[in-house]
PDB file of N, CA and C in Angstrom:
ATOM      1  N   MET A   1       1.161  -1.335  -0.173  1.00  0.00           N
ATOM      2  CA  MET A   1       0.011  -0.025   0.151  1.00  0.00           C
ATOM      3  C   MET A   1       0.808   1.264   0.002  1.00  0.00           C
ATOM      4  N   ALA A   2       0.696   2.086  -0.832  1.00  0.00           N
ATOM      5  CA  ALA A   2       1.500   3.606  -1.036  1.00  0.00           C
ATOM      6  C   ALA A   2       1.137   4.195   0.191  1.00  0.00           C
ATOM      7  N   ASP A   3       1.818   5.174   0.654  1.00  0.00           N
ATOM      8  CA  ASP A   3       1.674   6.077   1.705  1.00  0.00           C
ATOM      9  C   ASP A   3       1.049   7.180   0.981  1.00  0.00           C
ATOM     10  N   SER A   4       0.270   7.940   2.052  1.00  0.00           N
ATOM     11  CA  SER A   4      -0.345   8.910   1.464  1.00  0.00           C
ATOM     12  C   SER A   4       0.524  10.249   1.504  1.00  0.00           C
ATOM     13  N   PRO A   5       0.273  11.229   0.683  1.00  0.00           N
ATOM     14  CA  PRO A   5       1.524  12.392   0.608  1.00  0.00           C
ATOM     15  C   PRO A   5       0.945  13.158   1.965  1.00  0.00           C
ATOM     16  N   PHE A   6      -0.193  12.869   2.563  1.00  0.00           N
ATOM     17  CA  PHE A   6      -0.773  13.723   3.771  1.00  0.00           C
ATOM     18  C   PHE A   6      -0.669  12.918   5.132  1.00  0.00           C
ATOM     19  N   ASP A   7       0.507  11.716   5.110  1.00  0.00           N
ATOM     20  CA  ASP A   7       0.610  10.984   6.300  1.00  0.00           C
ATOM     21  C   ASP A   7       0.951  11.931   7.527  1.00  0.00           C
ATOM     22  N   ASP A   8       1.757  12.909   7.166  1.00  0.00           N
ATOM     23  CA  ASP A   8       2.389  13.685   8.036  1.00  0.00           C
ATOM     24  C   ASP A   8       1.339  14.571   9.046  1.00  0.00           C
ATOM     25  N   ILE A   9       0.386  14.590   8.539  1.00  0.00           N
ATOM     26  CA  ILE A   9      -1.063  15.405   9.061  1.00  0.00           C
ATOM     27  C   ILE A   9      -1.380  14.643  10.229  1.00  0.00           C
ATOM     28  N   LYS A  10      -1.157  13.156  10.190  1.00  0.00           N
ATOM     29  CA  LYS A  10      -1.955  12.338  11.309  1.00  0.00           C
ATOM     30  C   LYS A  10      -1.478  12.624  12.655  1.00  0.00           C
ATOM     31  N   ALA A  11      -0.162  13.162  12.571  1.00  0.00           N
ATOM     32  CA  ALA A  11       0.812  13.332  13.588  1.00  0.00           C
ATOM     33  C   ALA A  11       0.599  14.762  14.241  1.00  0.00           C
ATOM     34  N   MET A  12       0.065  15.713  13.315  1.00  0.00           N
ATOM     35  CA  MET A  12      -0.276  16.892  13.980  1.00  0.00           C
ATOM     36  C   MET A  12      -1.023  17.339  15.223  1.00  0.00           C
ATOM     37  N   SER A  13      -0.582  18.106  15.911  1.00  0.00           N
ATOM     38  CA  SER A  13      -1.535  18.467  17.069  1.00  0.00           C
ATOM     39  C   SER A  13      -2.610  19.424  16.352  1.00  0.00           C
ATOM     40  N   PHE A  14      -3.715  19.626  17.020  1.00  0.00           N
ATOM     41  CA  PHE A  14      -4.734  20.477  16.313  1.00  0.00           C
ATOM     42  C   PHE A  14      -4.385  21.945  16.288  1.00  0.00           C
ATOM     43  N   GLU A  15      -3.652  22.339  17.152  1.00  0.00           N
ATOM     44  CA  GLU A  15      -3.054  23.827  16.836  1.00  0.00           C
ATOM     45  C   GLU A  15      -2.459  24.029  15.569  1.00  0.00           C
ATOM     46  N   ALA A  16      -1.413  22.820  15.577  1.00  0.00           N
ATOM     47  CA  ALA A  16      -0.629  22.830  14.374  1.00  0.00           C
ATOM     48  C   ALA A  16      -1.303  22.971  13.002  1.00  0.00           C
ATOM     49  N   ALA A  17      -2.143  21.915  13.112  1.00  0.00           N
ATOM     50  CA  ALA A  17      -3.037  21.911  11.860  1.00  0.00           C
ATOM     51  C   ALA A  17      -3.864  22.908  11.753  1.00  0.00           C
ATOM     52  N   LEU A  18      -4.417  23.605  12.493  1.00  0.00           N
ATOM     53  CA  LEU A  18      -5.010  24.464  12.145  1.00  0.00           C
ATOM     54  C   LEU A  18      -4.240  25.866  11.664  1.00  0.00           C
ATOM     55  N   ARG A  19      -3.014  26.047  12.236  1.00  0.00           N
ATOM     56  CA  ARG A  19      -2.208  26.995  11.875  1.00  0.00           C
ATOM     57  C   ARG A  19      -1.806  26.800  10.122  1.00  0.00           C
ATOM     58  N   GLU A  20      -1.653  25.617   9.949  1.00  0.00           N
ATOM     59  CA  GLU A  20      -1.267  25.438   8.473  1.00  0.00           C
ATOM     60  C   GLU A  20      -2.432  25.648   7.783  1.00  0.00           C
ATOM     61  N   LEU A  21      -3.624  25.105   8.077  1.00  0.00           N
ATOM     62  CA  LEU A  21      -5.020  25.209   7.404  1.00  0.00           C
ATOM     63  C   LEU A  21      -5.204  26.900   7.068  1.00  0.00           C
ATOM     64  N   GLU A  22      -5.235  27.746   8.245  1.00  0.00           N
ATOM     65  CA  GLU A  22      -5.256  29.009   8.096  1.00  0.00           C
ATOM     66  C   GLU A  22      -3.959  29.752   6.917  1.00  0.00           C
ATOM     67  N   SER A  23      -2.901  29.041   7.033  1.00  0.00           N
ATOM     68  CA  SER A  23      -1.989  29.877   5.962  1.00  0.00           C
ATOM     69  C   SER A  23      -2.564  29.161   4.436  1.00  0.00           C
ATOM     70  N   ILE A  24      -3.074  27.919   4.296  1.00  0.00           N
ATOM     71  CA  ILE A  24      -3.441  27.645   3.210  1.00  0.00           C
ATOM     72  C   ILE A  24      -4.593  28.473   2.630  1.00  0.00           C
ATOM     73  N   VAL A  25      -5.379  28.724   3.490  1.00  0.00           N
ATOM     74  CA  VAL A  25      -6.650  29.596   3.091  1.00  0.00           C
ATOM     75  C   VAL A  25      -6.092  30.895   2.843  1.00  0.00           C
ATOM     76  N   GLY A  26      -4.925  31.630   3.546  1.00  0.00           N
ATOM     77  CA  GLY A  26      -4.498  32.801   3.065  1.00  0.00           C
ATOM     78  C   GLY A  26      -3.978  32.856   1.661  1.00  0.00           C
ATOM     79  N   LYS A  27      -3.149  31.682   1.202  1.00  0.00           N
ATOM     80  CA  LYS A  27      -2.620  31.581   0.211  1.00  0.00           C
ATOM     81  C   LYS A  27      -3.776  31.559  -1.091  1.00  0.00           C
ATOM     82  N   LEU A  28      -4.545  30.653  -0.752  1.00  0.00           N
ATOM     83  CA  LEU A  28      -5.779  30.357  -1.827  1.00  0.00           C
ATOM     84  C   LEU A  28      -6.333  31.727  -2.065  1.00  0.00           C
ATOM     85  N   GLU A  29      -6.801  32.721  -0.901  1.00  0.00           N
ATOM     86  CA  GLU A  29      -7.728  33.815  -1.063  1.00  0.00           C
ATOM     87  C   GLU A  29      -6.615  34.761  -1.890  1.00  0.00           C
ATOM     88  N   SER A  30      -5.398  34.838  -1.711  1.00  0.00           N
ATOM     89  CA  SER A  30      -4.546  35.862  -2.184  1.00  0.00           C
ATOM     90  C   SER A  30      -4.463  35.854  -3.845  1.00  0.00           C
ATOM     91  N   GLY A  31      -4.743  34.597  -4.170  1.00  0.00           N
ATOM     92  CA  GLY A  31      -4.734  34.271  -5.607  1.00  0.00           C
ATOM     93  C   GLY A  31      -3.395  34.133  -6.265  1.00  0.00           C
ATOM     94  N   GLN A  32      -2.480  34.358  -5.520  1.00  0.00           N
ATOM     95  CA  GLN A  32      -1.052  34.524  -5.975  1.00  0.00           C
ATOM     96  C   GLN A  32      -0.616  32.876  -6.382  1.00  0.00           C
ATOM     97  N   ALA A  33      -0.944  31.882  -6.093  1.00  0.00           N
ATOM     98  CA  ALA A  33      -0.544  30.527  -6.232  1.00  0.00           C
ATOM     99  C   ALA A  33      -0.788  30.045  -7.603  1.00  0.00           C
ATOM    100  N   PRO A  34      -0.018  29.680  -8.356  1.00  0.00           N
ATOM    101  CA  PRO A  34      -0.541  29.017  -9.824  1.00  0.00           C
ATOM    102  C   PRO A  34      -1.634  27.911  -9.558  1.00  0.00           C
ATOM    103  N   LEU A  35      -2.171  27.899 -10.473  1.00  0.00           N
ATOM    104  CA  LEU A  35      -3.210  26.727 -10.611  1.00  0.00           C
ATOM    105  C   LEU A  35      -3.044  25.543 -10.031  1.00  0.00           C
ATOM    106  N   ALA A  36      -1.903  24.772 -10.469  1.00  0.00           N
ATOM    107  CA  ALA A  36      -1.591  23.412 -10.005  1.00  0.00           C
ATOM    108  C   ALA A  36      -0.949  23.327  -8.477  1.00  0.00           C
ATOM    109  N   GLU A  37      -0.395  24.422  -8.065  1.00  0.00           N
ATOM    110  CA  GLU A  37      -0.245  24.487  -6.666  1.00  0.00           C
ATOM    111  C   GLU A  37      -1.695  24.739  -5.823  1.00  0.00           C
ATOM    112  N   SER A  38      -2.312  25.471  -6.521  1.00  0.00           N
ATOM    113  CA  SER A  38      -3.690  26.054  -5.832  1.00  0.00           C
ATOM    114  C   SER A  38      -4.234  24.782  -5.578  1.00  0.00           C
ATOM    115  N   ILE A  39      -4.461  23.879  -6.531  1.00  0.00           N
ATOM    116  CA  ILE A  39      -5.199  22.633  -6.359  1.00  0.00           C
ATOM    117  C   ILE A  39      -4.667  21.652  -5.300  1.00  0.00           C
ATOM    118  N   ALA A  40      -2.973  21.739  -5.305  1.00  0.00           N
ATOM    119  CA  ALA A  40      -2.475  20.708  -4.496  1.00  0.00           C
ATOM    120  C   ALA A  40      -2.521  21.245  -2.889  1.00  0.00           C
ATOM    121  N   ILE A  41      -2.404  22.293  -2.731  1.00  0.00           N
ATOM    122  CA  ILE A  41      -2.687  23.092  -1.720  1.00  0.00           C
ATOM    123  C   ILE A  41      -3.962  23.179  -1.026  1.00  0.00           C
ATOM    124  N   TYR A  42      -4.965  23.023  -1.892  1.00  0.00           N
ATOM    125  CA  TYR A  42      -6.384  22.863  -1.589  1.00  0.00           C
ATOM    126  C   TYR A  42      -6.651  21.598  -1.064  1.00  0.00           C
ATOM    127  N   GLU A  43      -6.369  20.629  -2.007  1.00  0.00           N
ATOM    128  CA  GLU A  43      -6.313  18.799  -1.280  1.00  0.00           C
ATOM    129  C   GLU A  43      -5.655  19.008   0.074  1.00  0.00           C
ATOM    130  N   ARG A  44      -4.331  19.604   0.316  1.00  0.00           N
ATOM    131  CA  ARG A  44      -4.023  19.389   1.762  1.00  0.00           C
ATOM    132  C   ARG A  44      -4.813  20.075   2.642  1.00  0.00           C
ATOM    133  N   GLY A  45      -5.287  21.185   2.392  1.00  0.00           N
ATOM    134  CA  GLY A  45      -6.293  21.915   3.282  1.00  0.00           C
ATOM    135  C   GLY A  45      -7.448  20.934   3.545  1.00  0.00           C
ATOM    136  N   GLU A  46      -7.936  20.360   2.868  1.00  0.00           N
ATOM    137  CA  GLU A  46      -9.035  19.383   3.012  1.00  0.00           C
ATOM    138  C   GLU A  46      -8.739  18.283   4.100  1.00  0.00           C
ATOM    139  N   ALA A  47      -7.516  17.571   3.972  1.00  0.00           N
ATOM    140  CA  ALA A  47      -7.073  16.637   4.746  1.00  0.00           C
ATOM    141  C   ALA A  47      -6.682  17.150   6.179  1.00  0.00           C
ATOM    142  N   LEU A  48      -6.482  18.771   6.029  1.00  0.00           N
ATOM    143  CA  LEU A  48      -6.133  19.198   7.333  1.00  0.00           C
ATOM    144  C   LEU A  48      -7.377  19.532   8.232  1.00  0.00           C
ATOM    145  N   LYS A  49      -8.379  19.799   7.356  1.00  0.00           N
ATOM    146  CA  LYS A  49      -9.779  19.862   7.688  1.00  0.00           C
ATOM    147  C   LYS A  49     -10.262  18.879   8.503  1.00  0.00           C
ATOM    148  N   ALA A  50     -10.144  17.805   7.909  1.00  0.00           N
ATOM    149  CA  ALA A  50     -10.602  16.473   8.150  1.00  0.00           C
ATOM    150  C   ALA A  50      -9.974  16.102   9.584  1.00  0.00           C
ATOM    151  N   HIS A  51      -8.884  16.418   9.469  1.00  0.00           N
ATOM    152  CA  HIS A  51      -8.145  15.942  10.643  1.00  0.00           C
ATOM    153  C   HIS A  51      -8.371  16.673  11.887  1.00  0.00           C
ATOM    154  N   CYS A  52      -8.385  18.188  11.920  1.00  0.00           N
ATOM    155  CA  CYS A  52      -8.956  18.905  12.628  1.00  0.00           C
ATOM    156  C   CYS A  52     -10.335  18.576  13.321  1.00  0.00           C
ATOM    157  N   GLU A  53     -11.411  18.247  12.525  1.00  0.00           N
ATOM    158  CA  GLU A  53     -12.746  17.834  12.710  1.00  0.00           C
ATOM    159  C   GLU A  53     -12.399  16.625  13.643  1.00  0.00           C
ATOM    160  N   ALA A  54     -11.652  15.595  13.273  1.00  0.00           N
ATOM    161  CA  ALA A  54     -11.598  14.417  13.924  1.00  0.00           C
ATOM    162  C   ALA A  54     -11.175  14.421  15.423  1.00  0.00           C
ATOM    163  N   LEU A  55     -10.065  15.385  15.425  1.00  0.00           N
ATOM    164  CA  LEU A  55      -9.638  15.646  16.876  1.00  0.00           C
ATOM    165  C   LEU A  55     -10.501  16.464  17.485  1.00  0.00           C
ATOM    166  N   LEU A  56     -11.485  17.511  17.112  1.00  0.00           N
ATOM    167  CA  LEU A  56     -12.538  17.904  17.980  1.00  0.00           C
ATOM    168  C   LEU A  56     -13.439  16.975  18.365  1.00  0.00           C
ATOM    169  N   LYS A  57     -13.910  16.229  17.441  1.00  0.00           N
ATOM    170  CA  LYS A  57     -14.688  15.106  17.920  1.00  0.00           C
ATOM    171  C   LYS A  57     -14.331  14.452  19.054  1.00  0.00           C
ATOM    172  N   GLN A  58     -12.978  13.923  18.973  1.00  0.00           N
ATOM    173  CA  GLN A  58     -12.441  13.333  20.105  1.00  0.00           C
ATOM    174  C   GLN A  58     -12.549  14.011  21.385  1.00  0.00           C
ATOM    175  N   ALA A  59     -12.184  15.260  21.306  1.00  0.00           N
ATOM    176  CA  ALA A  59     -12.278  16.057  22.485  1.00  0.00           C
ATOM    177  C   ALA A  59     -13.627  16.013  23.036  1.00  0.00           C
ATOM    178  N   GLU A  60     -14.715  16.484  22.041  1.00  0.00           N
ATOM    179  CA  GLU A  60     -16.004  16.374  22.635  1.00  0.00           C
ATOM    180  C   GLU A  60     -16.449  15.175  23.305  1.00  0.00           C
ATOM    181  N   MET A  61     -16.027  14.025  22.955  1.00  0.00           N
ATOM    182  CA  MET A  61     -16.142  12.750  23.651  1.00  0.00           C
ATOM    183  C   MET A  61     -15.986  12.723  24.968  1.00  0.00           C
ATOM    184  N   ARG A  62     -14.654  13.300  25.270  1.00  0.00           N
ATOM    185  CA  ARG A  62     -14.013  13.313  26.427  1.00  0.00           C
ATOM    186  C   ARG A  62     -14.856  14.277  27.475  1.00  0.00           C
ATOM    187  N   ILE A  63     -15.123  15.531  27.092  1.00  0.00           N
ATOM    188  CA  ILE A  63     -15.660  16.466  27.923  1.00  0.00           C
ATOM    189  C   ILE A  63     -16.784  15.721  28.698  1.00  0.00           C
ATOM    190  N   GLU A  64     -16.951  16.209  30.085  1.00  0.00           N
ATOM    191  CA  GLU A  64     -17.966  15.716  30.870  1.00  0.00           C
ATOM    192  C   GLU A  64     -18.675  17.038  31.748  1.00  0.00           C
ATOM    193  N   LYS A  65     -19.809  16.964  32.001  1.00  0.00           N
ATOM    194  CA  LYS A  65     -20.673  18.152  32.625  1.00  0.00           C
ATOM    195  C   LYS A  65     -20.424  17.774  34.124  1.00  0.00           C
ATOM    196  N   ILE A  66     -20.417  18.467  34.983  1.00  0.00           N
ATOM    197  CA  ILE A  66     -20.603  18.128  36.433  1.00  0.00           C
ATOM    198  C   ILE A  66     -21.566  18.366  36.990  1.00  0.00           C
ATOM    199  N   THR A  67     -22.215  17.128  37.379  1.00  0.00           N
ATOM    200  CA  THR A  67     -23.758  17.385  38.147  1.00  0.00           C
ATOM    201  C   THR A  67     -23.667  17.635  39.833  1.00  0.00           C
ATOM    202  N   LEU A  68     -24.689  18.405  39.734  1.00  0.00           N
ATOM    203  CA  LEU A  68     -24.675  19.126  41.020  1.00  0.00           C
ATOM    204  C   LEU A  68     -26.207  18.674  41.742  1.00  0.00           C
ATOM    205  N   ARG A  69     -25.986  18.632  43.150  1.00  0.00           N
ATOM    206  CA  ARG A  69     -27.175  18.323  43.811  1.00  0.00           C
ATOM    207  C   ARG A  69     -27.332  19.219  45.186  1.00  0.00           C
ATOM    208  N   ASN A  70     -28.322  19.682  45.324  1.00  0.00           N
ATOM    209  CA  ASN A  70     -28.263  20.802  46.147  1.00  0.00           C
ATOM    210  C   ASN A  70     -26.790  22.035  46.289  1.00  0.00           C
ATOM    211  N   GLY A  71     -26.560  22.080  45.058  1.00  0.00           N
ATOM    212  CA  GLY A  71     -25.709  23.310  44.899  1.00  0.00           C
ATOM    213  C   GLY A  71     -24.067  22.615  45.339  1.00  0.00           C
ATOM    214  N   GLN A  72     -24.014  21.100  45.499  1.00  0.00           N
ATOM    215  CA  GLN A  72     -22.755  20.390  45.877  1.00  0.00           C
ATOM    216  C   GLN A  72     -22.534  19.455  44.783  1.00  0.00           C
ATOM    217  N   PRO A  73     -21.189  19.245  44.110  1.00  0.00           N
ATOM    218  CA  PRO A  73     -20.933  18.372  42.879  1.00  0.00           C
ATOM    219  C   PRO A  73     -21.182  16.980  43.369  1.00  0.00           C
ATOM    220  N   THR A  74     -21.810  16.330  42.570  1.00  0.00           N
ATOM    221  CA  THR A  74     -22.123  14.991  43.083  1.00  0.00           C
ATOM    222  C   THR A  74     -21.663  13.947  42.119  1.00  0.00           C
ATOM    223  N   GLY A  75     -20.984  14.317  40.877  1.00  0.00           N
ATOM    224  CA  GLY A  75     -20.241  13.289  40.020  1.00  0.00           C
ATOM    225  C   GLY A  75     -20.186  14.106  38.557  1.00  0.00           C
ATOM    226  N   THR A  76     -20.281  13.052  37.377  1.00  0.00           N
ATOM    227  CA  THR A  76     -20.135  13.771  36.319  1.00  0.00           C
ATOM    228  C   THR A  76     -21.028  12.917  35.189  1.00  0.00           C
ATOM    229  N   GLU A  77     -21.486  13.728  34.114  1.00  0.00           N
ATOM    230  CA  GLU A  77     -22.267  12.616  33.212  1.00  0.00           C
ATOM    231  C   GLU A  77     -21.555  13.246  31.831  1.00  0.00           C
ATOM    232  N   PRO A  78     -21.948  12.671  30.898  1.00  0.00           N
ATOM    233  CA  PRO A  78     -21.748  13.126  29.209  1.00  0.00           C
ATOM    234  C   PRO A  78     -22.343  14.465  29.007  1.00  0.00           C
ATOM    235  N   LEU A  79     -21.462  15.408  28.648  1.00  0.00           N
ATOM    236  CA  LEU A  79     -21.915  16.751  28.361  1.00  0.00           C
ATOM    237  C   LEU A  79     -23.177  16.818  27.470  1.00  0.00           C
ATOM    238  N   ASP A  80     -23.136  16.100  26.466  1.00  0.00           N
ATOM    239  CA  ASP A  80     -24.202  15.917  25.423  1.00  0.00           C
ATOM    240  C   ASP A  80     -24.699  14.371  25.157  1.00  0.00           C
ATOM    241  N   PRO A  81     -25.336  13.715  26.244  1.00  0.00           N
ATOM    242  CA  PRO A  81     -25.753  12.288  26.124  1.00  0.00           C
ATOM    243  C   PRO A  81     -26.589  11.990  25.045  1.00  0.00           C
ATOM    244  N   GLN A  82     -26.333  10.979  23.973  1.00  0.00           N
ATOM    245  CA  GLN A  82     -26.947  10.821  22.767  1.00  0.00           C
ATOM    246  C   GLN A  82     -28.117   9.498  23.001  1.00  0.00           C
TER     247      GLN A  82
END
C-alpha cells in the first residue's frame, strides 16, 4: 500500500494543523499561487480540515459535565448524552 502524501498530518496537533490550514486559506485567497499549486494546497487543506474535525470530535467525546445536587458536586455525566 502506498503512503499518502498527507501522512504527516496524522501526527499533527490540532493547533499545528489549524495554523497550517489558516496559511493555506490565506494563500488561496490571495490568488498568488499558480493553478496546479492551488489544487495541491486545497487538497492538503481538505485533509487538514478533516484531521481537525476528527480531533475536535475526540475532545468532545471526552468532555463531561459536572452534576450538582443541592449546590454540591455529585459526579459527572456526558456533556451531550445521545
